[in-house]
Structure formats: structure tokens, C-alpha cells
Amino acid sequence: MANDPTALACTAYAAYGESTGNRNFRGDPMPRWEDLGEPIQTAWVAAATAVARAVEQEA
């Protein structure tokens, strides 16, 4: 994978926040990436990795 999965996850998380006014699905303020906790960060990394793989396969 050309990009660092954690960096991709941080970028995706930031983009999600920008599109929702930094609110989560409940309408509560989103925590900073550093405050998410490992399980949630791991889930974002898994999602970003899956998207990166799909993009690479299409290329």
C-alpha cells in the first residue's frame, strides 16, 4: 500500500468531521483522533486500508 494506513485513517476521520460539523452520528462533538481510543482508531485504520486496497485494485 502506497500510503500509511494510520495517516489515511486520520485523513478520513478528519474529512468525516469536516462534513458533519465535527459531530458524530449521535450529534455529539467528535473527539480528537488522539482521544478516540485504540479500538476505534483500529476500526478507522481497517476501513481506510480496505478503501486503499480497493482503489489499488482498480488502478
PDB file of N, CA and C in Angstrom:
ATOM      1  N   MET A   1       0.853  -1.177   0.000  1.00  0.00           N
ATOM      2  CA  MET A   1       0.000   0.000   0.000  1.00  0.00           C
ATOM      3  C   MET A   1       0.892   1.231   0.000  1.00  0.00           C
ATOM      4  N   ALA A   2       0.597   2.146  -0.864  1.00  0.00           N
ATOM      5  CA  ALA A   2       1.458   3.311  -1.061  1.00  0.00           C
ATOM      6  C   ALA A   2       1.417   4.273   0.126  1.00  0.00           C
ATOM      7  N   ASN A   3       0.313   4.400   0.797  1.00  0.00           N
ATOM      8  CA  ASN A   3       0.165   5.346   1.897  1.00  0.00           C
ATOM      9  C   ASN A   3       0.101   4.628   3.233  1.00  0.00           C
ATOM     10  N   ASP A   4       0.534   5.330   4.262  1.00  0.00           N
ATOM     11  CA  ASP A   4       0.470   4.805   5.619  1.00  0.00           C
ATOM     12  C   ASP A   4      -0.992   4.652   6.048  1.00  0.00           C
ATOM     13  N   PRO A   5      -1.391   3.455   6.469  1.00  0.00           N
ATOM     14  CA  PRO A   5      -2.801   3.236   6.834  1.00  0.00           C
ATOM     15  C   PRO A   5      -3.296   4.150   7.951  1.00  0.00           C
ATOM     16  N   THR A   6      -2.451   4.429   8.919  1.00  0.00           N
ATOM     17  CA  THR A   6      -2.877   5.305  10.009  1.00  0.00           C
ATOM     18  C   THR A   6      -3.069   6.736   9.514  1.00  0.00           C
ATOM     19  N   ALA A   7      -2.179   7.187   8.637  1.00  0.00           N
ATOM     20  CA  ALA A   7      -2.334   8.527   8.071  1.00  0.00           C
ATOM     21  C   ALA A   7      -3.610   8.622   7.248  1.00  0.00           C
ATOM     22  N   LEU A   8      -3.894   7.575   6.481  1.00  0.00           N
ATOM     23  CA  LEU A   8      -5.144   7.554   5.706  1.00  0.00           C
ATOM     24  C   LEU A   8      -6.359   7.593   6.635  1.00  0.00           C
ATOM     25  N   ALA A   9      -6.302   6.839   7.722  1.00  0.00           N
ATOM     26  CA  ALA A   9      -7.412   6.809   8.677  1.00  0.00           C
ATOM     27  C   ALA A   9      -7.615   8.179   9.317  1.00  0.00           C
ATOM     28  N   CYS A  10      -6.522   8.835   9.687  1.00  0.00           N
ATOM     29  CA  CYS A  10      -6.622  10.189  10.256  1.00  0.00           C
ATOM     30  C   CYS A  10      -7.244  11.154   9.258  1.00  0.00           C
ATOM     31  N   THR A  11      -6.846  11.037   8.004  1.00  0.00           N
ATOM     32  CA  THR A  11      -7.399  11.895   6.951  1.00  0.00           C
ATOM     33  C   THR A  11      -8.891  11.635   6.778  1.00  0.00           C
ATOM     34  N   ALA A  12      -9.272  10.361   6.757  1.00  0.00           N
ATOM     35  CA  ALA A  12     -10.685  10.008   6.611  1.00  0.00           C
ATOM     36  C   ALA A  12     -11.503  10.504   7.804  1.00  0.00           C
ATOM     37  N   TYR A  13     -10.963  10.349   9.003  1.00  0.00           N
ATOM     38  CA  TYR A  13     -11.654  10.803  10.207  1.00  0.00           C
ATOM     39  C   TYR A  13     -11.841  12.319  10.171  1.00  0.00           C
ATOM     40  N   ALA A  14     -10.795  13.031   9.761  1.00  0.00           N
ATOM     41  CA  ALA A  14     -10.890  14.488   9.661  1.00  0.00           C
ATOM     42  C   ALA A  14     -11.920  14.904   8.613  1.00  0.00           C
ATOM     43  N   ALA A  15     -11.948  14.203   7.477  1.00  0.00           N
ATOM     44  CA  ALA A  15     -12.924  14.510   6.425  1.00  0.00           C
ATOM     45  C   ALA A  15     -14.348  14.254   6.910  1.00  0.00           C
ATOM     46  N   TYR A  16     -14.539  13.160   7.633  1.00  0.00           N
ATOM     47  CA  TYR A  16     -15.857  12.874   8.219  1.00  0.00           C
ATOM     48  C   TYR A  16     -16.268  14.042   9.121  1.00  0.00           C
ATOM     49  N   GLY A  17     -15.336  14.466   9.973  1.00  0.00           N
ATOM     50  CA  GLY A  17     -15.636  15.570  10.878  1.00  0.00           C
ATOM     51  C   GLY A  17     -15.973  16.858  10.148  1.00  0.00           C
ATOM     52  N   GLU A  18     -15.226  17.145   9.100  1.00  0.00           N
ATOM     53  CA  GLU A  18     -15.491  18.352   8.321  1.00  0.00           C
ATOM     54  C   GLU A  18     -16.879  18.314   7.684  1.00  0.00           C
ATOM     55  N   SER A  19     -17.306  17.135   7.279  1.00  0.00           N
ATOM     56  CA  SER A  19     -18.602  17.031   6.599  1.00  0.00           C
ATOM     57  C   SER A  19     -19.788  17.015   7.561  1.00  0.00           C
ATOM     58  N   THR A  20     -19.524  16.820   8.855  1.00  0.00           N
ATOM     59  CA  THR A  20     -20.608  16.741   9.838  1.00  0.00           C
ATOM     60  C   THR A  20     -20.549  17.853  10.883  1.00  0.00           C
ATOM     61  N   GLY A  21     -19.699  18.854  10.649  1.00  0.00           N
ATOM     62  CA  GLY A  21     -19.544  19.890  11.662  1.00  0.00           C
ATOM     63  C   GLY A  21     -18.864  19.362  12.914  1.00  0.00           C
ATOM     64  N   ASN A  22     -18.017  18.359  12.731  1.00  0.00           N
ATOM     65  CA  ASN A  22     -17.306  17.698  13.832  1.00  0.00           C
ATOM     66  C   ASN A  22     -18.272  17.111  14.870  1.00  0.00           C
ATOM     67  N   ARG A  23     -19.330  16.518  14.342  1.00  0.00           N
ATOM     68  CA  ARG A  23     -20.315  15.824  15.184  1.00  0.00           C
ATOM     69  C   ARG A  23     -20.346  14.361  14.787  1.00  0.00           C
ATOM     70  N   ASN A  24     -20.561  13.479  15.764  1.00  0.00           N
ATOM     71  CA  ASN A  24     -20.666  12.053  15.454  1.00  0.00           C
ATOM     72  C   ASN A  24     -22.088  11.711  15.037  1.00  0.00           C
ATOM     73  N   PHE A  25     -22.350  10.436  14.855  1.00  0.00           N
ATOM     74  CA  PHE A  25     -23.670  10.017  14.369  1.00  0.00           C
ATOM     75  C   PHE A  25     -24.790  10.322  15.343  1.00  0.00           C
ATOM     76  N   ARG A  26     -24.456  10.557  16.602  1.00  0.00           N
ATOM     77  CA  ARG A  26     -25.464  10.916  17.611  1.00  0.00           C
ATOM     78  C   ARG A  26     -25.663  12.428  17.712  1.00  0.00           C
ATOM     79  N   GLY A  27     -24.813  13.180  17.002  1.00  0.00           N
ATOM     80  CA  GLY A  27     -24.870  14.623  17.089  1.00  0.00           C
ATOM     81  C   GLY A  27     -23.986  15.201  18.165  1.00  0.00           C
ATOM     82  N   ASP A  28     -23.229  14.336  18.836  1.00  0.00           N
ATOM     83  CA  ASP A  28     -22.305  14.785  19.877  1.00  0.00           C
ATOM     84  C   ASP A  28     -20.991  15.235  19.235  1.00  0.00           C
ATOM     85  N   PRO A  29     -20.252  16.099  19.920  1.00  0.00           N
ATOM     86  CA  PRO A  29     -18.952  16.513  19.387  1.00  0.00           C
ATOM     87  C   PRO A  29     -18.022  15.302  19.220  1.00  0.00           C
ATOM     88  N   MET A  30     -17.290  15.302  18.106  1.00  0.00           N
ATOM     89  CA  MET A  30     -16.326  14.225  17.859  1.00  0.00           C
ATOM     90  C   MET A  30     -15.068  14.463  18.694  1.00  0.00           C
ATOM     91  N   PRO A  31     -14.530  13.412  19.291  1.00  0.00           N
ATOM     92  CA  PRO A  31     -13.256  13.576  19.991  1.00  0.00           C
ATOM     93  C   PRO A  31     -12.117  13.762  18.996  1.00  0.00           C
ATOM     94  N   ARG A  32     -11.000  14.280  19.474  1.00  0.00           N
ATOM     95  CA  ARG A  32      -9.808  14.357  18.640  1.00  0.00           C
ATOM     96  C   ARG A  32      -9.348  12.932  18.350  1.00  0.00           C
ATOM     97  N   TRP A  33      -8.642  12.730  17.247  1.00  0.00           N
ATOM     98  CA  TRP A  33      -8.130  11.413  16.865  1.00  0.00           C
ATOM     99  C   TRP A  33      -7.384  10.777  18.038  1.00  0.00           C
ATOM    100  N   GLU A  34      -6.532  11.556  18.686  1.00  0.00           N
ATOM    101  CA  GLU A  34      -5.713  11.052  19.785  1.00  0.00           C
ATOM    102  C   GLU A  34      -6.553  10.563  20.964  1.00  0.00           C
ATOM    103  N   ASP A  35      -7.768  11.051  21.086  1.00  0.00           N
ATOM    104  CA  ASP A  35      -8.638  10.700  22.209  1.00  0.00           C
ATOM    105  C   ASP A  35      -9.646   9.597  21.889  1.00  0.00           C
ATOM    106  N   LEU A  36      -9.605   9.057  20.682  1.00  0.00           N
ATOM    107  CA  LEU A  36     -10.591   8.048  20.288  1.00  0.00           C
ATOM    108  C   LEU A  36     -10.464   6.743  21.046  1.00  0.00           C
ATOM    109  N   GLY A  37      -9.261   6.363  21.356  1.00  0.00           N
ATOM    110  CA  GLY A  37      -9.030   5.054  21.955  1.00  0.00           C
ATOM    111  C   GLY A  37      -8.644   4.067  20.867  1.00  0.00           C
ATOM    112  N   GLU A  38      -7.873   3.080  21.256  1.00  0.00           N
ATOM    113  CA  GLU A  38      -7.326   2.132  20.291  1.00  0.00           C
ATOM    114  C   GLU A  38      -8.359   1.355  19.493  1.00  0.00           C
ATOM    115  N   PRO A  39      -9.441   0.849  20.103  1.00  0.00           N
ATOM    116  CA  PRO A  39     -10.404   0.082  19.290  1.00  0.00           C
ATOM    117  C   PRO A  39     -11.031   0.893  18.156  1.00  0.00           C
ATOM    118  N   ILE A  40     -11.354   2.144  18.413  1.00  0.00           N
ATOM    119  CA  ILE A  40     -11.974   2.972  17.375  1.00  0.00           C
ATOM    120  C   ILE A  40     -10.941   3.379  16.334  1.00  0.00           C
ATOM    121  N   GLN A  41      -9.731   3.717  16.772  1.00  0.00           N
ATOM    122  CA  GLN A  41      -8.674   4.020  15.804  1.00  0.00           C
ATOM    123  C   GLN A  41      -8.410   2.813  14.911  1.00  0.00           C
ATOM    124  N   THR A  42      -8.377   1.624  15.501  1.00  0.00           N
ATOM    125  CA  THR A  42      -8.151   0.399  14.730  1.00  0.00           C
ATOM    126  C   THR A  42      -9.247   0.202  13.689  1.00  0.00           C
ATOM    127  N   ALA A  43     -10.480   0.502  14.050  1.00  0.00           N
ATOM    128  CA  ALA A  43     -11.591   0.369  13.105  1.00  0.00           C
ATOM    129  C   ALA A  43     -11.437   1.356  11.949  1.00  0.00           C
ATOM    130  N   TRP A  44     -11.039   2.589  12.223  1.00  0.00           N
ATOM    131  CA  TRP A  44     -10.814   3.577  11.163  1.00  0.00           C
ATOM    132  C   TRP A  44      -9.662   3.148  10.270  1.00  0.00           C
ATOM    133  N   VAL A  45      -8.601   2.591  10.855  1.00  0.00           N
ATOM    134  CA  VAL A  45      -7.468   2.113  10.057  1.00  0.00           C
ATOM    135  C   VAL A  45      -7.916   0.961   9.158  1.00  0.00           C
ATOM    136  N   ALA A  46      -8.724   0.063   9.680  1.00  0.00           N
ATOM    137  CA  ALA A  46      -9.224  -1.054   8.867  1.00  0.00           C
ATOM    138  C   ALA A  46     -10.063  -0.544   7.705  1.00  0.00           C
ATOM    139  N   ALA A  47     -10.913   0.430   7.962  1.00  0.00           N
ATOM    140  CA  ALA A  47     -11.742   0.988   6.890  1.00  0.00           C
ATOM    141  C   ALA A  47     -10.886   1.689   5.840  1.00  0.00           C
ATOM    142  N   ALA A  48      -9.922   2.475   6.268  1.00  0.00           N
ATOM    143  CA  ALA A  48      -9.047   3.176   5.329  1.00  0.00           C
ATOM    144  C   ALA A  48      -8.218   2.196   4.512  1.00  0.00           C
ATOM    145  N   THR A  49      -7.759   1.131   5.155  1.00  0.00           N
ATOM    146  CA  THR A  49      -6.981   0.103   4.461  1.00  0.00           C
ATOM    147  C   THR A  49      -7.823  -0.576   3.390  1.00  0.00           C
ATOM    148  N   ALA A  50      -9.062  -0.884   3.709  1.00  0.00           N
ATOM    149  CA  ALA A  50      -9.951  -1.526   2.742  1.00  0.00           C
ATOM    150  C   ALA A  50     -10.191  -0.629   1.533  1.00  0.00           C
ATOM    151  N   VAL A  51     -10.388   0.657   1.764  1.00  0.00           N
ATOM    152  CA  VAL A  51     -10.601   1.593   0.653  1.00  0.00           C
ATOM    153  C   VAL A  51      -9.337   1.700  -0.192  1.00  0.00           C
ATOM    154  N   ALA A  52      -8.182   1.811   0.457  1.00  0.00           N
ATOM    155  CA  ALA A  52      -6.916   1.916  -0.288  1.00  0.00           C
ATOM    156  C   ALA A  52      -6.685   0.678  -1.148  1.00  0.00           C
ATOM    157  N   ARG A  53      -6.977  -0.493  -0.616  1.00  0.00           N
ATOM    158  CA  ARG A  53      -6.824  -1.734  -1.390  1.00  0.00           C
ATOM    159  C   ARG A  53      -7.768  -1.753  -2.589  1.00  0.00           C
ATOM    160  N   ALA A  54      -8.989  -1.324  -2.386  1.00  0.00           N
ATOM    161  CA  ALA A  54      -9.967  -1.298  -3.484  1.00  0.00           C
ATOM    162  C   ALA A  54      -9.513  -0.337  -4.581  1.00  0.00           C
ATOM    163  N   VAL A  55      -8.983   0.795  -4.193  1.00  0.00           N
ATOM    164  CA  VAL A  55      -8.501   1.773  -5.173  1.00  0.00           C
ATOM    165  C   VAL A  55      -7.311   1.195  -5.933  1.00  0.00           C
ATOM    166  N   GLU A  56      -6.401   0.557  -5.229  1.00  0.00           N
ATOM    167  CA  GLU A  56      -5.226  -0.051  -5.879  1.00  0.00           C
ATOM    168  C   GLU A  56      -5.639  -1.136  -6.861  1.00  0.00           C
ATOM    169  N   GLN A  57      -6.644  -1.918  -6.513  1.00  0.00           N
ATOM    170  CA  GLN A  57      -7.106  -2.998  -7.396  1.00  0.00           C
ATOM    171  C   GLN A  57      -7.728  -2.451  -8.676  1.00  0.00           C
ATOM    172  N   GLU A  58      -8.358  -1.297  -8.578  1.00  0.00           N
ATOM    173  CA  GLU A  58      -8.994  -0.687  -9.743  1.00  0.00           C
ATOM    174  C   GLU A  58      -7.991  -0.023 -10.659  1.00  0.00           C
ATOM    175  N   ALA A  59      -6.821   0.303 -10.116  1.00  0.00           N
ATOM    176  CA  ALA A  59      -5.802   1.022 -10.901  1.00  0.00           C
ATOM    177  C   ALA A  59      -5.143   0.129 -11.933  1.00  0.00           C
TER     178      ALA A  59
END
